[in-house]
Amino acid sequence: SLLLLEGGAGFEFATGILNTQLKYVFPGSFYTLHFYGAWVFIGAFAVHVAFRLGRAARALRAGPRQPDPDSEEAAGLVSPRPAAPTISRRGALGMVGLGSFALFAVTAGQSVGGWFRRTALLAPQRTGNRAPAPTAFQINKTA
């Protein structure tokens, strides 16, 4: 069930990105392929839920495991062999900030325009030797 679920999600993501970039390398219409790909994903999700429903019901019926009241585990979650920390809170916050800035940089260029447009990786890009329209707005379809 996971093969179809992951394959369907990957297909939807890849064809969506290719459609955003106006690259139609797949055979057939994008809309038809994307539509049926979504149905494969939905069907695989339903099959996956059906396969895992029994295990989920057993886990819910069993309830939480009760630790020994005298143990340290009773006070909260305690790892049996805690590892040394690999990153500080400041480092984690810095990574979140850097990731947020990178996401802003690759998406905001589509709205801001100018030289910043070159950083908009997911925006439609001019390809080939096509000249832009007189208003400098890319025309993707015939009139």
Foldseek 3Di string as FASTA:
>chain_A
DVVLQVVLVVVLVVLVLCVQQVHDPDPDDSVVVNVVSVVSNVVVVVVVCVVCVVVVVVDVVVDDDQDDCPDPCNVDHDDPDDDDDDDDPVRVVVVVVVVVVLVCQQCVCVVPDDPSVVSVPSHHDDDDPDDADPVNHRDDDDD
